[in-house]
Every structure is written in structure tokens, then in C-alpha cells.
Amino acid sequence: MTADWFFAALRHDRAVVLGSLALVVALAWAWLLVGAGIGMEEMDMGGGQLMLMLPEWSLGYGLVVFAMWAVMMVAMMLPSTAPVTLLVANIARQRAAKGGAFGAGTALFVLGYLAVWVGFAAVATTLQWGLDEAGLMSDTMGLANQVGAGIVLMGAGIYQWTPLKETCLRHCRSPLDFLLFHWREGRLGAFLSGLGHGAFCLGCCWMLMALLFVGGIMNLAWIAAIALLVLIEKTLPWGGWMCRVIGVVLVLWGAVTVAVVA
């Protein structure tokens, strides 16, 4: 009877956690699909022709772009946290059995993880603002200079082979090991553990996120492709060697891009 109750509780935890993550991710993707709140301004070109242009940068527009980046990070990164979040939910249930608050640890862990990517969104927004002001961004929110795009591609490909990438990816692919060696007790500990996991995830994926400047920040197909790549690297058995293969592809792609322009 006790075993039946335990496994039923685990199934319930899995359903709640996965359902919650799926709902948040679905809402994030829905917001991106409707334009993420970024309105296009119309410019009269004469002869009855209108051209759509992005708004001029201002504090208000910068906040909208920041919100777009933050939601985009949630949509892209949250699915790959499902394995570690399920383990944290199991820890939370064990703590609840000893008088703790069930569910608080799980929510705080996820919030800590997302806080890292919200911080990344702030940096990315600032970078986009600077590039746009320097005339290096196109109307599609991608790099206008193909040589620059090729360099980013090659940089992302090379990073796939670095020891830092390998170390961070190993932590992301081994959620149980991460919790065994990095979990901290208490509600603050859960939040800090989420920050720690987010830091490893950032170290693993930041150069892949830089590829958004290559394909266009609002290119949903490009966003989905990068999100799928992150999910493969972090969760599938063959994600480790796939990371190296993608690195080679990106380096070759970038070299061809630069060569064609030159």
C-alpha cells in the first residue's frame, strides 16, 4: 500500500511539473507568435507605397525588447530543465513529509534558473541596442553585415569544442549529479541551486543564443531550431557527440559565409 501511494505521488508530481512547464512554454511561444508586443511603424515612400520599420530606440521600446528577450529565453530554455525540475519536485515531496512546504522548493528552483536567463536577456537587449545604434542590425533584427554573421557562426562552432562547453554541458546532462553536489537546503537554498544550474546552462548555451543575431531575433523558425538543438544536447543520449558535430557544421557554415562575401 505504501509503495502504491509513493508511485502514485511520483506520477502526480510528474504530471504537475510537466504540465506547469508546458503551460509556461506554450504561453511564451504564443506571445512570440503574435509579435512579442513589438509594433512596426509605417513610413510613406510616396506613390501610395508604405514601408514597415522598427520603432526608434527609447526607454519604452527598450523595455519591450527586453520583455521579448526574456520571454524568448523562457520559451527556448525551460523545456530542457524538465529532468532536473522533476528531481527537485521529488526532493520537495521528501521535505514536505518532514514538515516542509511542498512545492515551494520546486518553484523557487525554477525561478532561480529563470533569473539567470532574465539577466542574459538584459545583456542581449543592451547589445542589440548598441548594434542597432551603430547601424549593424537589419530590419529583420539580424546582423546586417554578413562577415560579422560568419564570424559569429564560426565562434559558436569553435565554442562547441571548448572545455568550458564540455564541463557545463556535462552538468546539464546529469541533473542527479548536479543535485547531489550542488543542492542547498531551504527555500533560499532552492533558489540559489536554481541560480547555479542556470549558470551552468548559460555557460553551455550562451554562444548558441548569440546565433539569434545571425538568423534574426524574431525569426521564429530560427528560434525553434536553436531551441531544439539545446534540447537535444541537454537531454538525449547522443546529445554529447551531436554537440561536436554541430560545432563543425557551424564553423564550415561561417567560413563559407565569410568567403562568399570576400
Foldseek 3Di string as FASTA:
>chain_A
DVVVVVVVVLVVLLCVLVVVLVVLLVVLVVCLVVPLPFAWDWDDPPPPDIDTFGDQDDPVVLVSQLSNQLSLCSNQPSVLCSVLLSVQQVVLVVVVVVPDDRPLLSVLLQVLLSVLSSVVSNVVSVVLNVCVVVVQADRLQAGPDLLVLLVLLLVLLVLLPDPQLVVLLVCLQCSVVLCVVQQDDDSVSSNVSSNVNNVSLCSNCVSLVVNCNHVGVSPVVSSVVSSVLSNLLRYPPCNSVVSNVSSVVSNVVSVVSNVVVD
